[in-house]
Amino acid sequence: MPRTPSTTTAAPSSSSSASSGSAFKGLPSVVWTIFAGTIVNRLGYLVTPFLVFFLASRGVTGGDTSYVLGALGAGNLIGPAVGGVLADRIGRRPTMLIGLIGAAAAQGALFLAPGVWTMAGAALLISAAGSTVSPAAYALLADAVDSERRQRAYALFGWGVNIGTAVAGVLGGYLAAQGYWLLFAVDAGSMLLYAAVVAIRLPEPRRSAPTGPAKDGIGYGVVLRDRLALLLLPLFGVQLFVYSLTEVALPLAVRDSGLSPAVYGAMAAVNAILVVALQPFATAWLARLPQVAVQSAGSGLIAVGVALTGLADGLAGYTVSVVIWSLGEVVVAGIAAGVFANLAPAHARGRYQGAFSWTWGAARFGALTLGVTTYTTLGPATLWWTALVAGTATAATTLALRTRVEARTTAHTLAA
């Protein structure tokens, strides 16, 4: 496969892409390879959703469960930071291979672990190794396309995640009934298969030489000195925190309404169907609009949908809230990652994506800890009002930064 540096071909304009009726038309083979590999990998995303049930089958219950789940969340704070540095230091493909093979090995370690603390250690390794992959994959996507097509490339990546996850939800329930070892075998096998795809099909792009000051080094100083990046990261982090409540607090709300777990499963299915069915069309249509404005509108929609969970007490109410935040999810697909990729100098794309992925991990970890604590101690209403105010406020603030973001993107495009 020929190398595909980000400046080899001119991108079609966003409007022509939208009018063509295909959101993803014209994307290079590297992007489609990552898309296909992501689907394969996410088809095996089976252990995490069923981890609580697996732990219970091994006699791990109550407070001991929180140690394993906490370790799983903590790994998402370590992996992205390491992955971003490695992606710029040793390359995108080697970093992805290290993460995929390491996570596959950790799956086996978790299944064979004899006690709570060894299980917690294996869970930490699973999430830490697995989350090193995203910064390298995001950086590789940014290398393969120019700024006008990055949002579509990231939206395609996210679409692959949703397709694989939707199928995995059905597959996981069936496999768990046959034996938990099947969950671990399929999960590890899918990671190794994706690693094979990376090794065989993905080229390592030519590395861009640093154009900034030598003090950039190999750490995250280049990101920490970027004032615009430091403004956007917490804004995106709060928006991702609000979105993560759909995974963390929604099940609690369904339970407290006296509804069965099947209702939560139905809500997950509604979300998956809407995202998988609508995202390509929404991406094509929204590509013609200013992306920061679209991100802000979609984030506001997510905040409203999540907050409406607090008013739901039956199937109809939960369905309305899920439909609203799912539409917001469709709207924002790929935009935040694309915006942040466009801020980065070419030689630091891995670290910028590492910082963005770390923000995602921190948001999810915050939802698992702070979100649940707020729900259980201060009350559900406090959490839902917080989601509404924080989500809409950060969406408005992001919109206010639109001019600065577009100016940076233009400057990097001209420099390229």
Protein backbone atom coordinates (compact mmCIF):
# COMPACT_ATOMS: atom_id res chain seq x y z
CA MET A 1 0.00 0.00 0.00
CA PRO A 2 1.43 3.43 -0.93
CA ARG A 3 2.08 5.94 1.79
CA THR A 4 -0.62 8.59 2.22
CA PRO A 5 0.77 11.80 3.68
CA SER A 6 -1.81 14.38 4.59
CA THR A 7 -0.81 16.81 1.84
CA THR A 8 -0.66 14.53 -1.18
CA THR A 9 -4.06 15.34 -2.65
CA ALA A 10 -6.50 18.17 -2.40
CA ALA A 11 -9.73 17.37 -0.61
CA PRO A 12 -13.10 17.98 -2.19
CA SER A 13 -14.98 20.74 -0.51
CA SER A 14 -17.39 19.93 2.28
CA SER A 15 -20.35 21.10 0.22
CA SER A 16 -19.52 18.90 -2.74
CA SER A 17 -19.10 15.96 -0.42
CA ALA A 18 -22.49 16.60 1.12
CA SER A 19 -24.21 17.02 -2.25
CA SER A 20 -22.75 13.75 -3.45
CA GLY A 21 -24.98 11.96 -0.94
CA SER A 22 -22.09 10.09 0.64
CA ALA A 23 -20.53 11.39 3.83
CA PHE A 24 -17.46 9.22 3.41
CA LYS A 25 -16.82 9.36 -0.32
CA GLY A 26 -13.21 10.05 -1.30
CA LEU A 27 -11.59 9.01 1.98
CA PRO A 28 -8.28 7.15 1.44
CA SER A 29 -7.77 3.44 1.98
CA VAL A 30 -5.95 4.00 5.29
CA VAL A 31 -9.16 5.44 6.76
CA TRP A 32 -11.26 2.52 5.49
CA THR A 33 -8.75 0.00 6.85
CA ILE A 34 -8.94 1.56 10.31
CA PHE A 35 -12.74 1.60 10.01
CA ALA A 36 -12.85 -2.12 9.17
CA GLY A 37 -10.35 -2.99 11.89
CA THR A 38 -12.32 -0.96 14.41
CA ILE A 39 -15.50 -2.89 13.63
CA VAL A 40 -13.64 -6.17 14.11
CA ASN A 41 -12.17 -4.94 17.38
CA ARG A 42 -15.48 -3.64 18.73
CA LEU A 43 -17.29 -6.84 17.80
CA GLY A 44 -15.19 -8.34 20.57
CA TYR A 45 -16.02 -5.60 23.08
CA LEU A 46 -17.65 -8.15 25.35
CA VAL A 47 -15.83 -8.41 28.67
CA THR A 48 -16.32 -4.87 30.00
CA PRO A 49 -20.15 -4.73 29.71
CA PHE A 50 -20.44 -8.11 31.43
CA LEU A 51 -17.56 -7.66 33.89
CA VAL A 52 -19.81 -7.27 36.94
CA PHE A 53 -21.56 -10.54 36.13
CA PHE A 54 -18.24 -12.32 35.57
CA LEU A 55 -16.90 -11.05 38.89
CA ALA A 56 -20.02 -12.26 40.66
CA SER A 57 -19.54 -15.71 39.12
CA ARG A 58 -16.06 -15.73 40.70
CA GLY A 59 -17.43 -14.71 44.10
CA VAL A 60 -16.37 -11.05 43.85
CA THR A 61 -19.25 -8.89 45.06
CA GLY A 62 -19.97 -5.72 47.01
CA GLY A 63 -17.07 -3.42 47.77
CA ASP A 64 -14.50 -5.71 46.15
CA THR A 65 -16.18 -5.15 42.79
CA SER A 66 -15.45 -1.42 43.03
CA TYR A 67 -11.71 -2.12 43.22
CA VAL A 68 -11.75 -3.93 39.89
CA LEU A 69 -14.06 -1.39 38.23
CA GLY A 70 -11.99 1.48 39.62
CA ALA A 71 -8.83 -0.05 38.20
CA LEU A 72 -10.55 -0.42 34.85
CA GLY A 73 -11.41 3.28 34.89
CA ALA A 74 -7.96 4.33 36.07
CA GLY A 75 -6.35 2.59 33.11
CA ASN A 76 -8.17 5.01 30.81
CA LEU A 77 -6.21 7.83 32.46
CA ILE A 78 -2.85 6.16 31.85
CA GLY A 79 -3.16 4.65 28.37
CA PRO A 80 -3.99 7.78 26.33
CA ALA A 81 -1.12 9.77 27.84
CA VAL A 82 1.36 6.99 27.07
CA GLY A 83 -0.15 6.31 23.65
CA GLY A 84 0.13 9.93 22.55
CA VAL A 85 3.84 10.10 23.37
CA LEU A 86 4.58 6.72 21.78
CA ALA A 87 2.67 7.64 18.61
CA ASP A 88 4.97 10.62 18.08
CA ARG A 89 8.09 8.89 19.40
CA ILE A 90 8.10 5.40 17.85
CA GLY A 91 5.27 5.69 15.34
CA ARG A 92 1.53 5.16 14.92
CA ARG A 93 1.58 1.53 13.85
CA PRO A 94 4.00 0.23 16.53
CA THR A 95 1.94 1.98 19.21
CA MET A 96 -1.29 0.40 17.97
CA LEU A 97 0.34 -3.04 17.92
CA ILE A 98 1.68 -2.65 21.47
CA GLY A 99 -1.75 -1.62 22.72
CA LEU A 100 -3.73 -4.33 20.94
CA ILE A 101 -1.38 -7.21 21.78
CA GLY A 102 -0.94 -5.99 25.36
CA ALA A 103 -4.69 -5.71 25.91
CA ALA A 104 -5.26 -9.19 24.45
CA ALA A 105 -2.70 -10.65 26.86
CA ALA A 106 -4.30 -8.78 29.75
CA GLN A 107 -7.67 -10.33 28.88
CA GLY A 108 -6.20 -13.74 29.49
CA ALA A 109 -4.61 -12.53 32.72
CA LEU A 110 -7.97 -11.28 34.00
CA PHE A 111 -9.71 -14.55 33.23
CA LEU A 112 -6.99 -16.54 35.02
CA ALA A 113 -6.46 -14.12 37.93
CA PRO A 114 -6.87 -15.91 41.27
CA GLY A 115 -7.95 -13.02 43.49
CA VAL A 116 -9.40 -9.50 43.67
CA TRP A 117 -6.09 -7.65 43.53
CA THR A 118 -4.74 -9.65 40.61
CA MET A 119 -8.05 -9.07 38.85
CA ALA A 120 -7.73 -5.35 39.52
CA GLY A 121 -4.18 -5.37 38.13
CA ALA A 122 -5.30 -7.18 34.99
CA ALA A 123 -8.25 -4.79 34.55
CA LEU A 124 -5.85 -1.85 34.83
CA LEU A 125 -3.66 -3.38 32.11
CA ILE A 126 -6.64 -4.06 29.84
CA SER A 127 -7.83 -0.46 29.85
CA ALA A 128 -4.34 1.08 29.89
CA ALA A 129 -3.10 -0.99 26.95
CA GLY A 130 -6.36 -0.75 25.03
CA SER A 131 -6.57 3.02 25.38
CA THR A 132 -3.06 3.54 23.96
CA VAL A 133 -4.51 2.59 20.58
CA SER A 134 -6.87 5.55 20.11
CA PRO A 135 -4.28 8.40 20.09
CA ALA A 136 -2.20 6.55 17.52
CA ALA A 137 -5.25 5.71 15.37
CA TYR A 138 -6.53 9.30 15.56
CA ALA A 139 -3.08 10.62 14.65
CA LEU A 140 -2.86 8.20 11.73
CA LEU A 141 -6.24 9.39 10.48
CA ALA A 142 -5.05 13.00 10.74
CA ASP A 143 -1.92 12.07 8.77
CA ALA A 144 -3.99 10.47 6.02
CA VAL A 145 -6.40 13.34 5.27
CA ASP A 146 -6.36 17.12 5.26
CA SER A 147 -8.28 19.38 7.62
CA GLU A 148 -11.45 19.52 5.50
CA ARG A 149 -11.90 15.74 5.59
CA ARG A 150 -10.80 14.98 9.15
CA GLN A 151 -14.24 15.33 10.67
CA ARG A 152 -15.61 12.82 8.17
CA ALA A 153 -12.73 10.43 8.84
CA TYR A 154 -13.32 10.61 12.58
CA ALA A 155 -17.09 10.26 12.07
CA LEU A 156 -16.44 7.09 10.06
CA PHE A 157 -14.22 5.82 12.87
CA GLY A 158 -16.98 6.51 15.39
CA TRP A 159 -19.55 4.87 13.14
CA GLY A 160 -17.41 1.72 13.11
CA VAL A 161 -17.28 1.79 16.92
CA ASN A 162 -21.08 2.01 17.10
CA ILE A 163 -21.66 -0.73 14.53
CA GLY A 164 -19.31 -3.11 16.31
CA THR A 165 -20.64 -2.24 19.76
CA ALA A 166 -24.27 -2.71 18.69
CA VAL A 167 -23.55 -6.21 17.38
CA ALA A 168 -21.38 -7.01 20.40
CA GLY A 169 -24.26 -6.21 22.75
CA VAL A 170 -26.35 -8.98 21.18
CA LEU A 171 -23.42 -11.37 20.77
CA GLY A 172 -22.23 -10.87 24.34
CA GLY A 173 -25.51 -11.89 25.90
CA TYR A 174 -25.53 -15.12 23.93
CA LEU A 175 -21.89 -15.98 24.64
CA ALA A 176 -22.18 -15.18 28.36
CA ALA A 177 -24.98 -17.74 28.61
CA GLN A 178 -22.65 -20.37 27.11
CA GLY A 179 -19.72 -19.56 29.35
CA TYR A 180 -17.75 -16.44 30.33
CA TRP A 181 -14.56 -17.88 28.88
CA LEU A 182 -16.07 -17.30 25.43
CA LEU A 183 -16.30 -13.56 26.13
CA PHE A 184 -12.60 -13.42 26.92
CA ALA A 185 -11.63 -15.62 23.97
CA VAL A 186 -13.61 -13.55 21.44
CA ASP A 187 -12.44 -10.26 22.95
CA ALA A 188 -8.76 -11.23 22.86
CA GLY A 189 -9.15 -12.82 19.42
CA SER A 190 -10.69 -9.68 17.93
CA MET A 191 -7.81 -7.59 19.28
CA LEU A 192 -5.24 -9.93 17.76
CA LEU A 193 -7.11 -9.91 14.45
CA TYR A 194 -7.10 -6.11 14.44
CA ALA A 195 -3.37 -6.21 15.25
CA ALA A 196 -2.86 -8.41 12.19
CA VAL A 197 -4.77 -5.90 10.06
CA VAL A 198 -2.58 -3.09 11.41
CA ALA A 199 0.63 -5.04 10.76
CA ILE A 200 -0.30 -6.09 7.24
CA ARG A 201 -2.46 -3.29 5.86
CA LEU A 202 -1.47 -0.03 7.54
CA PRO A 203 1.64 1.85 6.42
CA GLU A 204 3.63 3.96 8.84
CA PRO A 205 3.45 7.56 7.54
CA ARG A 206 6.55 9.63 7.03
CA ARG A 207 7.28 11.53 10.21
CA SER A 208 7.01 15.32 10.05
CA ALA A 209 10.01 17.20 11.40
CA PRO A 210 9.26 19.67 14.21
CA THR A 211 8.68 23.18 12.89
CA GLY A 212 8.27 24.81 16.29
CA PRO A 213 10.83 25.55 18.97
CA ALA A 214 13.19 22.79 20.02
CA LYS A 215 11.77 22.91 23.54
CA ASP A 216 8.75 20.96 22.27
CA GLY A 217 10.67 17.81 23.24
CA ILE A 218 8.74 14.56 23.27
CA GLY A 219 6.38 15.27 26.19
CA TYR A 220 3.13 17.17 26.56
CA GLY A 221 4.71 20.59 26.95
CA VAL A 222 3.73 21.37 23.35
CA VAL A 223 0.07 20.92 24.33
CA LEU A 224 0.34 22.65 27.70
CA ARG A 225 1.78 25.76 26.05
CA ASP A 226 -1.12 25.93 23.60
CA ARG A 227 -3.64 28.31 25.19
CA LEU A 228 -6.41 27.51 22.73
CA ALA A 229 -5.98 23.78 23.34
CA LEU A 230 -6.09 24.36 27.09
CA LEU A 231 -9.35 26.25 26.69
CA LEU A 232 -10.98 23.60 24.53
CA LEU A 233 -9.93 20.49 26.46
CA PRO A 234 -11.96 21.22 29.62
CA LEU A 235 -14.93 22.34 27.52
CA PHE A 236 -14.87 19.08 25.57
CA GLY A 237 -14.26 17.23 28.85
CA VAL A 238 -17.43 18.56 30.45
CA GLN A 239 -19.42 17.76 27.31
CA LEU A 240 -18.03 14.22 27.31
CA PHE A 241 -18.83 13.91 31.03
CA VAL A 242 -22.46 14.79 30.35
CA TYR A 243 -22.59 12.26 27.52
CA SER A 244 -20.99 9.58 29.71
CA LEU A 245 -23.90 9.88 32.13
CA THR A 246 -25.98 8.04 29.53
CA GLU A 247 -23.90 4.94 30.28
CA VAL A 248 -23.50 5.45 34.02
CA ALA A 249 -26.55 7.23 35.48
CA LEU A 250 -29.26 6.15 33.05
CA PRO A 251 -29.23 2.54 34.35
CA LEU A 252 -29.61 3.89 37.90
CA ALA A 253 -32.58 6.01 36.88
CA VAL A 254 -34.24 3.08 35.11
CA ARG A 255 -33.73 0.90 38.19
CA ASP A 256 -35.09 3.54 40.56
CA SER A 257 -38.20 3.90 38.40
CA GLY A 258 -39.00 0.28 39.18
CA LEU A 259 -38.38 -0.85 35.62
CA SER A 260 -36.57 -4.03 34.61
CA PRO A 261 -33.05 -4.25 33.15
CA ALA A 262 -34.74 -5.14 29.86
CA VAL A 263 -35.91 -1.52 29.62
CA TYR A 264 -32.34 -0.29 29.79
CA GLY A 265 -31.43 -2.84 27.13
CA ALA A 266 -34.21 -1.49 24.94
CA MET A 267 -32.92 2.07 25.43
CA ALA A 268 -29.43 0.96 24.41
CA ALA A 269 -30.93 -0.61 21.30
CA VAL A 270 -32.80 2.62 20.45
CA ASN A 271 -29.54 4.56 20.71
CA ALA A 272 -27.59 2.06 18.61
CA ILE A 273 -30.22 1.93 15.87
CA LEU A 274 -30.49 5.71 15.59
CA VAL A 275 -26.74 6.30 15.51
CA VAL A 276 -25.96 3.52 13.03
CA ALA A 277 -28.86 4.45 10.74
CA LEU A 278 -28.62 8.25 10.79
CA GLN A 279 -24.95 9.12 11.19
CA PRO A 280 -23.83 8.81 7.53
CA PHE A 281 -26.68 11.04 6.35
CA ALA A 282 -26.24 13.56 9.15
CA THR A 283 -22.49 13.75 8.55
CA ALA A 284 -23.03 14.42 4.84
CA TRP A 285 -25.57 17.15 5.45
CA LEU A 286 -23.79 18.84 8.37
CA ALA A 287 -20.37 18.82 6.66
CA ARG A 288 -21.33 22.01 4.79
CA LEU A 289 -21.84 23.92 8.06
CA PRO A 290 -19.22 25.47 10.40
CA GLN A 291 -18.07 22.52 12.48
CA VAL A 292 -17.57 24.35 15.78
CA ALA A 293 -21.14 25.64 15.57
CA VAL A 294 -22.40 22.13 14.82
CA GLN A 295 -20.43 20.74 17.78
CA SER A 296 -21.97 23.35 20.08
CA ALA A 297 -25.51 22.65 18.85
CA GLY A 298 -25.11 18.89 19.19
CA SER A 299 -23.61 19.18 22.68
CA GLY A 300 -26.54 21.33 23.75
CA LEU A 301 -28.92 18.71 22.39
CA ILE A 302 -27.13 15.98 24.37
CA ALA A 303 -27.35 18.06 27.56
CA VAL A 304 -31.10 18.59 27.10
CA GLY A 305 -31.69 14.90 26.36
CA VAL A 306 -29.68 13.75 29.37
CA ALA A 307 -31.44 16.25 31.67
CA LEU A 308 -34.85 15.00 30.49
CA THR A 309 -33.97 11.65 32.06
CA GLY A 310 -34.91 13.29 35.35
CA LEU A 311 -38.50 13.79 34.14
CA ALA A 312 -38.94 10.24 32.84
CA ASP A 313 -40.72 7.63 34.90
CA GLY A 314 -41.82 5.17 32.25
CA LEU A 315 -40.86 3.66 28.92
CA ALA A 316 -42.21 6.57 26.86
CA GLY A 317 -40.35 9.21 28.88
CA TYR A 318 -37.05 7.37 28.71
CA THR A 319 -37.47 6.78 24.99
CA VAL A 320 -37.96 10.51 24.36
CA SER A 321 -34.84 11.42 26.34
CA VAL A 322 -32.75 8.73 24.62
CA VAL A 323 -33.90 9.84 21.16
CA ILE A 324 -32.94 13.46 21.90
CA TRP A 325 -29.44 12.76 23.20
CA SER A 326 -28.89 10.14 20.49
CA LEU A 327 -29.64 12.78 17.85
CA GLY A 328 -27.10 15.01 19.57
CA GLU A 329 -24.59 12.16 19.43
CA VAL A 330 -25.21 11.83 15.69
CA VAL A 331 -24.69 15.57 15.20
CA VAL A 332 -21.34 15.81 17.03
CA ALA A 333 -19.84 12.61 15.60
CA GLY A 334 -16.14 13.11 14.90
CA ILE A 335 -16.18 16.89 15.25
CA ALA A 336 -14.38 17.35 18.58
CA ALA A 337 -11.56 14.98 17.58
CA GLY A 338 -11.32 16.69 14.18
CA VAL A 339 -11.22 20.16 15.70
CA PHE A 340 -8.47 19.15 18.10
CA ALA A 341 -6.50 17.44 15.34
CA ASN A 342 -6.59 20.67 13.33
CA LEU A 343 -5.04 22.55 16.25
CA ALA A 344 -1.97 20.32 16.32
CA PRO A 345 1.31 20.92 14.50
CA ALA A 346 2.05 17.90 12.31
CA HIS A 347 4.92 16.63 14.47
CA ALA A 348 2.78 16.61 17.64
CA ARG A 349 -0.47 15.06 16.40
CA GLY A 350 -0.02 11.97 18.54
CA ARG A 351 0.37 14.00 21.73
CA TYR A 352 -2.58 16.26 20.89
CA GLN A 353 -4.72 13.19 20.31
CA GLY A 354 -3.30 11.67 23.50
CA ALA A 355 -4.46 14.75 25.39
CA PHE A 356 -7.89 14.55 23.76
CA SER A 357 -8.22 10.82 24.47
CA TRP A 358 -7.09 11.40 28.07
CA THR A 359 -9.85 13.99 28.41
CA TRP A 360 -12.34 11.39 27.22
CA GLY A 361 -11.00 8.87 29.76
CA ALA A 362 -11.13 11.46 32.55
CA ALA A 363 -14.71 12.37 31.63
CA ARG A 364 -15.82 8.76 31.75
CA PHE A 365 -13.94 8.19 35.01
CA GLY A 366 -15.60 11.30 36.43
CA ALA A 367 -19.02 10.02 35.43
CA LEU A 368 -18.30 6.68 37.12
CA THR A 369 -17.19 8.37 40.34
CA LEU A 370 -18.43 11.95 40.70
CA GLY A 371 -21.58 11.33 38.67
CA VAL A 372 -22.64 8.28 40.64
CA THR A 373 -21.74 9.95 43.96
CA THR A 374 -23.82 13.01 43.08
CA TYR A 375 -26.76 10.80 42.09
CA THR A 376 -26.67 8.72 45.26
CA THR A 377 -25.84 11.41 47.85
CA LEU A 378 -27.18 14.74 46.56
CA GLY A 379 -30.04 13.21 44.63
CA PRO A 380 -30.88 12.56 40.96
CA ALA A 381 -32.33 16.05 40.43
CA THR A 382 -28.97 17.65 41.30
CA LEU A 383 -27.20 15.52 38.73
CA TRP A 384 -29.70 16.19 35.95
CA TRP A 385 -29.73 19.96 36.56
CA THR A 386 -25.92 19.95 36.66
CA ALA A 387 -25.83 18.12 33.33
CA LEU A 388 -28.19 20.64 31.76
CA VAL A 389 -26.39 23.76 33.01
CA ALA A 390 -22.85 22.44 32.45
CA GLY A 391 -23.63 21.00 29.03
CA THR A 392 -25.34 24.08 27.63
CA ALA A 393 -22.82 26.50 29.18
CA THR A 394 -19.81 24.68 27.71
CA ALA A 395 -21.57 24.42 24.34
CA ALA A 396 -22.05 28.20 24.30
CA THR A 397 -18.45 28.82 25.36
CA THR A 398 -17.17 26.51 22.64
CA LEU A 399 -19.16 28.48 20.08
CA ALA A 400 -17.53 31.69 21.31
CA LEU A 401 -14.12 30.22 20.39
CA ARG A 402 -15.15 29.47 16.80
CA THR A 403 -13.17 32.34 15.22
CA ARG A 404 -9.93 31.37 16.97
CA VAL A 405 -10.32 27.70 16.06
CA GLU A 406 -10.98 28.48 12.40
CA ALA A 407 -8.03 30.86 12.26
CA ARG A 408 -5.69 28.16 13.62
CA THR A 409 -7.00 25.61 11.13
CA THR A 410 -6.48 28.03 8.25
CA ALA A 411 -2.93 28.81 9.40
CA HIS A 412 -1.99 25.11 9.53
CA THR A 413 -3.58 24.47 6.13
CA LEU A 414 -1.59 27.31 4.55
CA ALA A 415 1.61 26.12 6.22
CA ALA A 416 1.07 22.62 4.81
